N, C-alpha and C. Protein backbone atom coordinates (compact mmCIF):
# COMPACT_ATOMS: atom_id res chain seq x y z
N MET A 1 139.12 82.18 155.53
CA MET A 1 137.75 82.45 155.93
C MET A 1 137.46 83.94 155.79
N TYR A 2 136.32 84.25 155.22
CA TYR A 2 135.87 85.63 155.06
C TYR A 2 134.51 85.78 155.70
N LYS A 3 134.20 87.01 156.13
CA LYS A 3 132.87 87.30 156.65
C LYS A 3 132.24 88.39 155.80
N VAL A 4 131.02 88.12 155.34
CA VAL A 4 130.25 89.10 154.60
C VAL A 4 129.01 89.37 155.45
N PHE A 5 128.86 90.61 155.93
CA PHE A 5 127.80 90.89 156.88
C PHE A 5 126.49 91.26 156.19
N VAL A 6 125.40 90.73 156.77
CA VAL A 6 124.03 91.13 156.45
C VAL A 6 123.55 91.76 157.75
N ASN A 7 123.49 93.10 157.78
CA ASN A 7 123.36 93.83 159.04
C ASN A 7 124.52 93.39 159.93
N ASP A 8 124.27 92.85 161.11
CA ASP A 8 125.38 92.42 161.96
C ASP A 8 125.55 90.91 162.01
N LYS A 9 124.90 90.21 161.09
CA LYS A 9 125.01 88.74 161.05
C LYS A 9 125.91 88.34 159.89
N PRO A 10 126.90 87.47 160.15
CA PRO A 10 127.83 87.12 159.07
C PRO A 10 127.42 85.91 158.24
N ILE A 11 127.73 86.05 156.94
CA ILE A 11 127.79 84.88 156.07
C ILE A 11 129.28 84.55 156.08
N ILE A 12 129.62 83.38 156.56
CA ILE A 12 131.02 82.99 156.70
C ILE A 12 131.40 82.12 155.50
N LEU A 13 132.38 82.60 154.74
CA LEU A 13 132.86 81.87 153.56
C LEU A 13 134.02 81.00 154.00
N THR A 14 133.91 79.71 153.77
CA THR A 14 134.92 78.78 154.27
C THR A 14 135.05 77.55 153.37
N THR A 15 136.11 76.79 153.59
CA THR A 15 136.30 75.52 152.88
C THR A 15 135.94 74.34 153.78
N LYS A 16 135.65 74.61 155.04
CA LYS A 16 135.40 73.54 156.01
C LYS A 16 133.91 73.41 156.36
N VAL A 17 133.39 72.23 156.23
CA VAL A 17 132.01 71.96 156.61
C VAL A 17 131.98 71.71 158.11
N LYS A 18 131.06 72.36 158.79
CA LYS A 18 130.92 72.15 160.23
C LYS A 18 129.50 71.70 160.52
N LYS A 19 129.37 70.76 161.41
CA LYS A 19 128.04 70.27 161.81
C LYS A 19 127.62 71.07 163.03
N GLU A 20 126.53 71.78 162.91
CA GLU A 20 126.11 72.66 163.99
C GLU A 20 124.61 72.90 163.87
N SER A 21 123.96 73.09 165.00
CA SER A 21 122.51 73.34 164.95
C SER A 21 122.19 74.83 164.90
N GLU A 22 123.16 75.68 165.27
CA GLU A 22 122.89 77.12 165.33
C GLU A 22 123.02 77.83 163.99
N PHE A 23 123.61 77.17 163.01
CA PHE A 23 123.75 77.80 161.70
C PHE A 23 123.53 76.79 160.60
N GLU A 24 123.36 77.29 159.40
CA GLU A 24 123.11 76.46 158.23
C GLU A 24 124.35 76.46 157.34
N ASN A 25 124.65 75.33 156.70
CA ASN A 25 125.72 75.22 155.71
C ASN A 25 125.11 75.25 154.32
N TYR A 26 125.70 76.03 153.40
CA TYR A 26 125.26 76.07 152.02
C TYR A 26 126.48 75.88 151.12
N GLN A 27 126.28 75.21 150.00
CA GLN A 27 127.34 75.09 149.00
C GLN A 27 127.32 76.35 148.14
N LEU A 28 128.49 76.93 147.90
CA LEU A 28 128.59 78.16 147.12
C LEU A 28 127.96 78.01 145.74
N LYS A 29 128.20 76.87 145.11
CA LYS A 29 127.71 76.63 143.76
C LYS A 29 126.19 76.75 143.66
N SER A 30 125.47 76.25 144.68
CA SER A 30 124.02 76.18 144.59
C SER A 30 123.28 77.12 145.55
N VAL A 31 124.00 77.96 146.29
CA VAL A 31 123.35 78.81 147.29
C VAL A 31 122.41 79.83 146.63
N ASN A 32 121.23 79.99 147.23
CA ASN A 32 120.29 81.04 146.83
C ASN A 32 120.54 82.20 147.80
N LEU A 33 121.33 83.16 147.37
CA LEU A 33 121.76 84.24 148.26
C LEU A 33 120.60 85.07 148.79
N LYS A 34 119.60 85.32 147.96
CA LYS A 34 118.44 86.10 148.43
C LYS A 34 117.73 85.37 149.57
N LYS A 35 117.64 84.04 149.46
CA LYS A 35 117.01 83.23 150.51
C LYS A 35 117.84 83.32 151.81
N VAL A 36 119.16 83.25 151.67
CA VAL A 36 120.06 83.34 152.84
C VAL A 36 119.93 84.71 153.51
N ILE A 37 119.90 85.76 152.70
CA ILE A 37 119.77 87.12 153.25
C ILE A 37 118.45 87.26 154.00
N LYS A 38 117.37 86.75 153.39
CA LYS A 38 116.06 86.80 154.03
C LYS A 38 116.08 86.04 155.35
N GLU A 39 116.71 84.86 155.33
CA GLU A 39 116.81 84.04 156.54
C GLU A 39 117.53 84.81 157.66
N LEU A 40 118.64 85.45 157.33
CA LEU A 40 119.38 86.21 158.35
C LEU A 40 118.59 87.42 158.84
N ASN A 41 117.83 88.03 157.94
CA ASN A 41 117.06 89.22 158.32
C ASN A 41 115.77 88.92 159.08
N THR A 42 115.21 87.74 158.90
CA THR A 42 113.87 87.48 159.47
C THR A 42 113.83 86.38 160.53
N THR A 43 114.95 85.71 160.78
CA THR A 43 114.95 84.67 161.82
C THR A 43 115.97 85.03 162.89
N ASN A 44 116.02 84.21 163.93
CA ASN A 44 117.02 84.47 164.98
C ASN A 44 118.34 83.75 164.69
N ARG A 45 118.47 83.21 163.48
CA ARG A 45 119.73 82.58 163.08
C ARG A 45 120.83 83.64 163.12
N LYS A 46 121.95 83.30 163.75
CA LYS A 46 123.01 84.29 163.98
C LYS A 46 124.05 84.36 162.87
N LYS A 47 124.17 83.26 162.07
CA LYS A 47 125.15 83.23 160.99
C LYS A 47 124.84 82.05 160.08
N VAL A 48 125.42 82.09 158.88
CA VAL A 48 125.36 80.95 157.98
C VAL A 48 126.76 80.73 157.40
N TYR A 49 127.02 79.51 156.96
CA TYR A 49 128.29 79.17 156.33
C TYR A 49 128.04 78.88 154.86
N VAL A 50 128.89 79.45 154.01
CA VAL A 50 128.87 79.14 152.58
C VAL A 50 130.20 78.48 152.26
N ILE A 51 130.12 77.27 151.69
CA ILE A 51 131.30 76.43 151.54
C ILE A 51 131.68 76.25 150.08
N HIS A 52 132.99 76.31 149.84
CA HIS A 52 133.54 76.02 148.51
C HIS A 52 134.88 75.32 148.73
N HIS A 53 135.20 74.34 147.91
CA HIS A 53 136.40 73.53 148.13
C HIS A 53 137.71 74.27 147.86
N ASN A 54 137.68 75.32 147.02
CA ASN A 54 138.90 76.02 146.64
C ASN A 54 139.01 77.36 147.36
N GLU A 55 139.89 77.43 148.35
CA GLU A 55 140.02 78.65 149.15
C GLU A 55 140.41 79.86 148.31
N LYS A 56 141.24 79.65 147.29
CA LYS A 56 141.71 80.77 146.45
C LYS A 56 140.58 81.38 145.62
N LYS A 57 139.58 80.57 145.28
CA LYS A 57 138.48 81.06 144.43
C LYS A 57 137.23 81.41 145.22
N LEU A 58 137.21 81.09 146.49
CA LEU A 58 136.02 81.25 147.34
C LEU A 58 135.44 82.66 147.32
N LEU A 59 136.24 83.65 147.69
CA LEU A 59 135.74 85.03 147.76
C LEU A 59 135.36 85.54 146.38
N LYS A 60 136.20 85.32 145.39
CA LYS A 60 135.96 85.80 144.03
C LYS A 60 134.63 85.26 143.49
N LYS A 61 134.39 83.97 143.68
CA LYS A 61 133.14 83.36 143.19
C LYS A 61 131.93 83.90 143.96
N PHE A 62 132.09 84.11 145.28
CA PHE A 62 130.97 84.65 146.07
C PHE A 62 130.62 86.06 145.61
N LEU A 63 131.65 86.89 145.37
CA LEU A 63 131.41 88.28 144.98
C LEU A 63 130.72 88.40 143.63
N LYS A 64 130.78 87.35 142.82
CA LYS A 64 130.09 87.36 141.52
C LYS A 64 128.59 87.13 141.67
N LYS A 65 128.14 86.73 142.85
CA LYS A 65 126.72 86.42 143.08
C LYS A 65 125.85 87.68 143.09
N LEU A 66 126.44 88.85 143.40
CA LEU A 66 125.70 90.12 143.47
C LEU A 66 126.57 91.22 142.88
N PRO A 67 125.94 92.33 142.41
CA PRO A 67 126.75 93.47 141.97
C PRO A 67 127.59 94.01 143.14
N ASN A 68 128.78 94.47 142.82
CA ASN A 68 129.70 94.99 143.85
C ASN A 68 129.76 96.51 143.80
N VAL A 69 129.88 97.12 144.99
CA VAL A 69 130.12 98.55 145.14
C VAL A 69 131.45 98.67 145.87
N ILE A 70 132.40 99.37 145.26
CA ILE A 70 133.73 99.52 145.85
C ILE A 70 133.79 100.84 146.62
N ALA A 71 134.29 100.76 147.85
CA ALA A 71 134.36 101.96 148.70
C ALA A 71 135.72 102.03 149.39
N GLY A 72 136.06 103.23 149.83
CA GLY A 72 137.28 103.44 150.60
C GLY A 72 136.93 104.17 151.88
N GLY A 73 137.65 103.87 152.95
CA GLY A 73 137.36 104.51 154.23
C GLY A 73 138.59 104.64 155.09
N GLY A 74 138.43 105.40 156.18
CA GLY A 74 139.58 105.64 157.02
C GLY A 74 139.31 105.51 158.51
N LYS A 75 140.29 104.93 159.19
CA LYS A 75 140.36 104.96 160.65
C LYS A 75 141.43 106.02 160.92
N VAL A 76 140.96 107.23 161.24
CA VAL A 76 141.84 108.38 161.34
C VAL A 76 142.24 108.63 162.79
N LEU A 77 143.55 108.74 163.02
CA LEU A 77 144.09 109.02 164.35
C LEU A 77 144.64 110.44 164.40
N ASN A 78 144.54 111.06 165.59
CA ASN A 78 145.16 112.37 165.79
C ASN A 78 146.36 112.21 166.73
N LYS A 79 147.01 113.32 167.06
CA LYS A 79 148.23 113.23 167.88
C LYS A 79 147.96 112.74 169.30
N LYS A 80 146.69 112.79 169.75
CA LYS A 80 146.34 112.27 171.09
C LYS A 80 146.01 110.78 171.04
N GLY A 81 146.02 110.19 169.83
CA GLY A 81 145.67 108.78 169.69
C GLY A 81 144.17 108.54 169.63
N GLU A 82 143.40 109.61 169.50
CA GLU A 82 141.95 109.47 169.39
C GLU A 82 141.59 109.08 167.96
N VAL A 83 140.42 108.46 167.80
CA VAL A 83 139.97 108.02 166.48
C VAL A 83 138.77 108.86 166.05
N LEU A 84 138.76 109.22 164.77
CA LEU A 84 137.69 110.03 164.19
C LEU A 84 136.48 109.16 163.87
N PHE A 85 135.32 109.51 164.43
CA PHE A 85 134.08 108.79 164.19
C PHE A 85 133.01 109.72 163.66
N ILE A 86 132.07 109.13 162.94
CA ILE A 86 130.87 109.85 162.51
C ILE A 86 129.67 109.15 163.13
N PHE A 87 128.61 109.92 163.36
CA PHE A 87 127.35 109.37 163.83
C PHE A 87 126.39 109.50 162.66
N ARG A 88 126.08 108.34 162.01
CA ARG A 88 125.28 108.35 160.80
C ARG A 88 124.07 107.44 160.98
N ASN A 89 122.91 107.98 160.67
CA ASN A 89 121.67 107.19 160.73
C ASN A 89 121.53 106.45 162.05
N GLY A 90 121.87 107.12 163.15
CA GLY A 90 121.66 106.58 164.49
C GLY A 90 122.73 105.61 164.98
N LYS A 91 123.85 105.47 164.24
CA LYS A 91 124.92 104.56 164.68
C LYS A 91 126.29 105.22 164.51
N TRP A 92 127.23 104.80 165.36
CA TRP A 92 128.62 105.25 165.24
C TRP A 92 129.29 104.46 164.13
N ASP A 93 130.04 105.16 163.30
CA ASP A 93 130.64 104.57 162.12
C ASP A 93 131.97 105.26 161.84
N LEU A 94 132.76 104.67 160.98
CA LEU A 94 133.96 105.33 160.47
C LEU A 94 133.62 105.92 159.10
N PRO A 95 134.23 107.03 158.73
CA PRO A 95 133.91 107.64 157.44
C PRO A 95 134.39 106.76 156.28
N LYS A 96 133.50 106.63 155.29
CA LYS A 96 133.80 105.81 154.10
C LYS A 96 132.83 106.19 153.00
N GLY A 97 133.16 105.80 151.78
CA GLY A 97 132.23 106.05 150.69
C GLY A 97 132.71 105.44 149.39
N LYS A 98 131.82 105.50 148.42
CA LYS A 98 132.00 104.88 147.11
C LYS A 98 133.12 105.56 146.31
N THR A 99 133.88 104.74 145.60
CA THR A 99 134.91 105.30 144.72
C THR A 99 134.27 105.90 143.48
N GLU A 100 134.95 106.86 142.91
CA GLU A 100 134.51 107.43 141.64
C GLU A 100 135.26 106.72 140.53
N LYS A 101 134.74 106.82 139.31
CA LYS A 101 135.36 106.12 138.16
C LYS A 101 136.85 106.40 138.05
N LYS A 102 137.63 105.34 137.92
CA LYS A 102 139.09 105.38 137.71
C LYS A 102 139.86 106.07 138.84
N GLU A 103 139.20 106.28 139.99
CA GLU A 103 139.87 106.90 141.14
C GLU A 103 140.62 105.83 141.92
N PRO A 104 141.90 106.05 142.21
CA PRO A 104 142.63 105.08 143.05
C PRO A 104 141.96 104.96 144.42
N ILE A 105 141.96 103.76 144.98
CA ILE A 105 141.24 103.50 146.23
C ILE A 105 141.76 104.37 147.38
N GLU A 106 143.06 104.62 147.43
CA GLU A 106 143.61 105.48 148.49
C GLU A 106 143.06 106.91 148.38
N ALA A 107 142.94 107.40 147.14
CA ALA A 107 142.39 108.74 146.92
C ALA A 107 140.91 108.78 147.32
N SER A 108 140.18 107.70 147.03
CA SER A 108 138.76 107.62 147.44
C SER A 108 138.63 107.72 148.94
N ALA A 109 139.46 106.95 149.64
CA ALA A 109 139.39 106.90 151.10
C ALA A 109 139.64 108.29 151.69
N ILE A 110 140.67 108.97 151.23
CA ILE A 110 140.98 110.31 151.74
C ILE A 110 139.86 111.28 151.39
N ARG A 111 139.39 111.26 150.14
CA ARG A 111 138.32 112.17 149.70
C ARG A 111 137.06 111.96 150.53
N GLU A 112 136.68 110.71 150.75
CA GLU A 112 135.46 110.43 151.51
C GLU A 112 135.57 110.91 152.97
N VAL A 113 136.71 110.69 153.60
CA VAL A 113 136.89 111.17 154.98
C VAL A 113 136.75 112.70 155.01
N GLU A 114 137.40 113.37 154.06
CA GLU A 114 137.30 114.84 154.00
C GLU A 114 135.87 115.30 153.79
N GLU A 115 135.16 114.67 152.82
CA GLU A 115 133.79 115.08 152.51
C GLU A 115 132.84 114.84 153.67
N GLU A 116 132.99 113.71 154.35
CA GLU A 116 132.04 113.36 155.40
C GLU A 116 132.30 114.08 156.73
N THR A 117 133.52 114.55 156.94
CA THR A 117 133.87 115.12 158.25
C THR A 117 134.39 116.56 158.22
N GLY A 118 134.92 117.00 157.09
CA GLY A 118 135.56 118.31 157.02
C GLY A 118 137.02 118.28 157.48
N VAL A 119 137.52 117.11 157.85
CA VAL A 119 138.90 116.97 158.32
C VAL A 119 139.85 116.95 157.12
N THR A 120 140.94 117.72 157.22
CA THR A 120 141.92 117.79 156.13
C THR A 120 143.31 117.40 156.65
N GLY A 121 144.30 117.44 155.77
CA GLY A 121 145.67 117.12 156.16
C GLY A 121 145.86 115.64 156.45
N LEU A 122 145.12 114.79 155.76
CA LEU A 122 145.15 113.34 156.00
C LEU A 122 146.33 112.68 155.30
N ARG A 123 146.95 111.75 156.00
CA ARG A 123 148.05 110.97 155.43
C ARG A 123 147.81 109.50 155.77
N ILE A 124 147.84 108.64 154.75
CA ILE A 124 147.67 107.20 154.98
C ILE A 124 148.94 106.65 155.61
N THR A 125 148.78 105.91 156.72
CA THR A 125 149.94 105.31 157.38
C THR A 125 150.06 103.82 157.08
N LYS A 126 148.91 103.14 156.86
CA LYS A 126 148.96 101.72 156.48
C LYS A 126 147.58 101.24 156.06
N PRO A 127 147.55 100.18 155.22
CA PRO A 127 146.25 99.59 154.88
C PRO A 127 145.73 98.75 156.05
N LEU A 128 144.44 98.67 156.18
CA LEU A 128 143.78 97.82 157.19
C LEU A 128 143.02 96.72 156.45
N GLU A 129 142.28 95.92 157.19
CA GLU A 129 141.54 94.83 156.54
C GLU A 129 140.43 95.39 155.64
N THR A 130 140.01 94.58 154.71
CA THR A 130 138.90 94.91 153.82
C THR A 130 137.64 94.30 154.43
N THR A 131 136.54 95.06 154.41
CA THR A 131 135.29 94.54 154.96
C THR A 131 134.27 94.37 153.83
N TYR A 132 133.29 93.50 154.09
CA TYR A 132 132.25 93.18 153.11
C TYR A 132 130.90 93.20 153.81
N HIS A 133 129.93 93.89 153.20
CA HIS A 133 128.57 93.78 153.72
C HIS A 133 127.56 93.92 152.59
N ILE A 134 126.42 93.28 152.81
CA ILE A 134 125.34 93.28 151.81
C ILE A 134 124.31 94.31 152.22
N PHE A 135 123.89 95.10 151.25
CA PHE A 135 122.86 96.11 151.50
C PHE A 135 121.89 96.11 150.32
N LYS A 136 120.76 96.78 150.52
CA LYS A 136 119.74 96.84 149.48
C LYS A 136 119.57 98.29 149.03
N ARG A 137 119.62 98.51 147.73
CA ARG A 137 119.38 99.85 147.19
C ARG A 137 118.50 99.71 145.96
N ASN A 138 117.46 100.51 145.90
CA ASN A 138 116.50 100.47 144.79
C ASN A 138 115.97 99.05 144.55
N GLY A 139 115.71 98.34 145.66
CA GLY A 139 115.12 97.00 145.58
C GLY A 139 116.08 95.89 145.20
N LYS A 140 117.38 96.21 145.04
CA LYS A 140 118.35 95.18 144.64
C LYS A 140 119.47 95.08 145.68
N TYR A 141 119.87 93.84 145.95
CA TYR A 141 120.98 93.61 146.87
C TYR A 141 122.31 93.85 146.17
N ARG A 142 123.26 94.37 146.93
CA ARG A 142 124.62 94.60 146.45
C ARG A 142 125.60 94.25 147.58
N ILE A 143 126.84 93.97 147.19
CA ILE A 143 127.89 93.75 148.18
C ILE A 143 128.81 94.95 148.17
N LYS A 144 128.93 95.60 149.33
CA LYS A 144 129.88 96.71 149.44
C LYS A 144 131.21 96.15 149.93
N ILE A 145 132.24 96.42 149.14
CA ILE A 145 133.60 96.02 149.48
C ILE A 145 134.32 97.30 149.89
N THR A 146 134.68 97.40 151.17
CA THR A 146 135.32 98.62 151.67
C THR A 146 136.78 98.35 152.00
N TYR A 147 137.64 99.10 151.31
CA TYR A 147 139.08 99.04 151.57
C TYR A 147 139.38 100.12 152.61
N TRP A 148 139.91 99.70 153.75
CA TRP A 148 140.14 100.60 154.86
C TRP A 148 141.63 100.94 154.99
N PHE A 149 141.88 102.17 155.44
CA PHE A 149 143.25 102.63 155.65
C PHE A 149 143.35 103.33 156.99
N GLU A 150 144.43 103.07 157.70
CA GLU A 150 144.72 103.87 158.88
C GLU A 150 145.32 105.17 158.38
N MET A 151 144.85 106.28 158.95
CA MET A 151 145.32 107.60 158.53
C MET A 151 145.72 108.41 159.76
N TYR A 152 146.49 109.46 159.50
CA TYR A 152 146.91 110.35 160.58
C TYR A 152 146.69 111.78 160.11
N THR A 153 146.31 112.63 161.05
CA THR A 153 146.18 114.05 160.77
C THR A 153 146.46 114.86 162.03
N GLU A 154 146.90 116.07 161.83
CA GLU A 154 147.06 117.00 162.95
C GLU A 154 145.95 118.05 162.91
N PHE A 155 144.91 117.77 162.15
CA PHE A 155 143.77 118.67 162.00
C PHE A 155 143.21 119.03 163.37
N ASP A 156 142.97 120.33 163.57
CA ASP A 156 142.46 120.81 164.85
C ASP A 156 141.32 121.81 164.64
N GLY A 157 140.69 121.75 163.46
CA GLY A 157 139.65 122.73 163.14
C GLY A 157 138.26 122.23 163.48
N GLU A 158 137.28 122.91 162.88
CA GLU A 158 135.87 122.56 163.10
C GLU A 158 135.45 121.45 162.15
N PHE A 159 134.65 120.53 162.67
CA PHE A 159 134.10 119.46 161.84
C PHE A 159 132.95 120.00 161.00
N ILE A 160 132.79 119.41 159.82
CA ILE A 160 131.65 119.75 158.95
C ILE A 160 130.98 118.43 158.57
N PRO A 161 130.02 117.97 159.39
CA PRO A 161 129.33 116.70 159.08
C PRO A 161 128.57 116.81 157.76
N GLU A 162 128.66 115.79 156.92
CA GLU A 162 127.95 115.77 155.64
C GLU A 162 126.50 115.34 155.91
N VAL A 163 125.67 116.32 156.21
CA VAL A 163 124.29 116.08 156.65
C VAL A 163 123.47 115.34 155.60
N ASN A 164 123.69 115.65 154.31
CA ASN A 164 122.89 114.98 153.27
C ASN A 164 123.25 113.49 153.13
N GLU A 165 124.29 113.04 153.85
CA GLU A 165 124.64 111.61 153.91
C GLU A 165 124.15 110.99 155.23
N GLY A 166 123.32 111.73 155.98
CA GLY A 166 122.78 111.21 157.24
C GLY A 166 123.73 111.35 158.42
N ILE A 167 124.81 112.13 158.24
CA ILE A 167 125.79 112.31 159.31
C ILE A 167 125.40 113.52 160.16
N THR A 168 125.14 113.27 161.43
CA THR A 168 124.69 114.35 162.31
C THR A 168 125.78 114.80 163.28
N LYS A 169 126.85 113.99 163.40
CA LYS A 169 127.90 114.34 164.36
C LYS A 169 129.22 113.75 163.91
N VAL A 170 130.30 114.49 164.15
CA VAL A 170 131.66 114.02 163.92
C VAL A 170 132.40 114.25 165.23
N ALA A 171 133.20 113.27 165.66
CA ALA A 171 133.88 113.42 166.95
C ALA A 171 135.17 112.60 167.00
N TRP A 172 136.15 113.13 167.76
CA TRP A 172 137.33 112.36 168.12
C TRP A 172 136.96 111.57 169.37
N LEU A 173 137.16 110.26 169.37
CA LEU A 173 136.82 109.44 170.53
C LEU A 173 138.08 108.79 171.09
N ASN A 174 138.23 108.86 172.41
CA ASN A 174 139.35 108.16 173.05
C ASN A 174 138.94 106.70 173.28
N ASN A 175 139.83 105.89 173.85
CA ASN A 175 139.54 104.46 174.02
C ASN A 175 138.27 104.19 174.81
N LYS A 176 138.08 104.92 175.90
CA LYS A 176 136.90 104.71 176.74
C LYS A 176 135.62 105.08 175.97
N GLU A 177 135.65 106.21 175.28
CA GLU A 177 134.49 106.66 174.50
C GLU A 177 134.21 105.70 173.34
N MET A 178 135.30 105.16 172.74
CA MET A 178 135.15 104.21 171.64
C MET A 178 134.44 102.94 172.10
N LYS A 179 134.83 102.43 173.28
CA LYS A 179 134.19 101.23 173.82
C LYS A 179 132.69 101.42 173.95
N LYS A 180 132.31 102.58 174.46
CA LYS A 180 130.89 102.89 174.63
C LYS A 180 130.21 103.02 173.26
N ALA A 181 130.86 103.69 172.32
CA ALA A 181 130.29 103.88 170.98
C ALA A 181 130.10 102.55 170.25
N MET A 182 130.99 101.59 170.50
CA MET A 182 130.91 100.30 169.80
C MET A 182 129.67 99.50 170.18
N LYS A 183 129.02 99.87 171.29
CA LYS A 183 127.76 99.22 171.66
C LYS A 183 126.66 99.61 170.69
N ASN A 184 126.88 100.70 169.93
CA ASN A 184 125.90 101.19 168.96
C ASN A 184 126.62 101.42 167.63
N SER A 185 127.20 100.34 167.10
CA SER A 185 127.93 100.42 165.84
C SER A 185 127.67 99.15 165.05
N TYR A 186 128.48 98.91 164.04
CA TYR A 186 128.33 97.75 163.16
C TYR A 186 129.43 96.74 163.43
N ALA A 187 129.13 95.46 163.20
CA ALA A 187 130.10 94.40 163.46
C ALA A 187 131.39 94.58 162.68
N ASN A 188 131.27 95.02 161.40
CA ASN A 188 132.51 95.17 160.62
C ASN A 188 133.34 96.36 161.10
N ILE A 189 132.73 97.35 161.71
CA ILE A 189 133.48 98.49 162.27
C ILE A 189 134.18 98.05 163.57
N LYS A 190 133.50 97.24 164.37
CA LYS A 190 134.09 96.73 165.61
C LYS A 190 135.38 95.97 165.32
N SER A 191 135.42 95.26 164.19
CA SER A 191 136.63 94.50 163.86
C SER A 191 137.80 95.41 163.49
N LEU A 192 137.52 96.64 163.10
CA LEU A 192 138.57 97.58 162.71
C LEU A 192 139.15 98.36 163.88
N VAL A 193 138.35 98.54 164.93
CA VAL A 193 138.83 99.34 166.07
C VAL A 193 139.22 98.42 167.20
């Protein structure tokens, strides 16, 4: 099962048909994705299910429905166990961004964290889950596929928020602060922290 978010509402990719009144089931082969996105954006429907019989091909076939944008991001920890967050466009988020041509995904993730926060000395400690969300740019829908990595740094300098990316604040958050920040974040970020 995979979740592809439209804002904070998931399109759940699955092989199992469920009978439910709170969500709609669609067959992957015949789904009108624009209609599903509109439904999630304009109704109080909380989720939809997209079904395909072959679990191995489910995600791959779904991702072919829209152009893909590949991104890398980091959940960065410091020696106090705090996590690095950015405040972008009015929400708490983890630093991430689009890969450049032929750039390895790990290099993208480190570069984007550095560019968005000013934090250096980053070391990847392990890969995390991959997240998927649909967004609209220049009137067209796209699926952003973000490969996440846990990182560590002993950086203790000044943050440099990338203002032209809508980032107004960079902060180390402890567990208590993170809980509060998650009330104003995205569903796919909540799954990472």
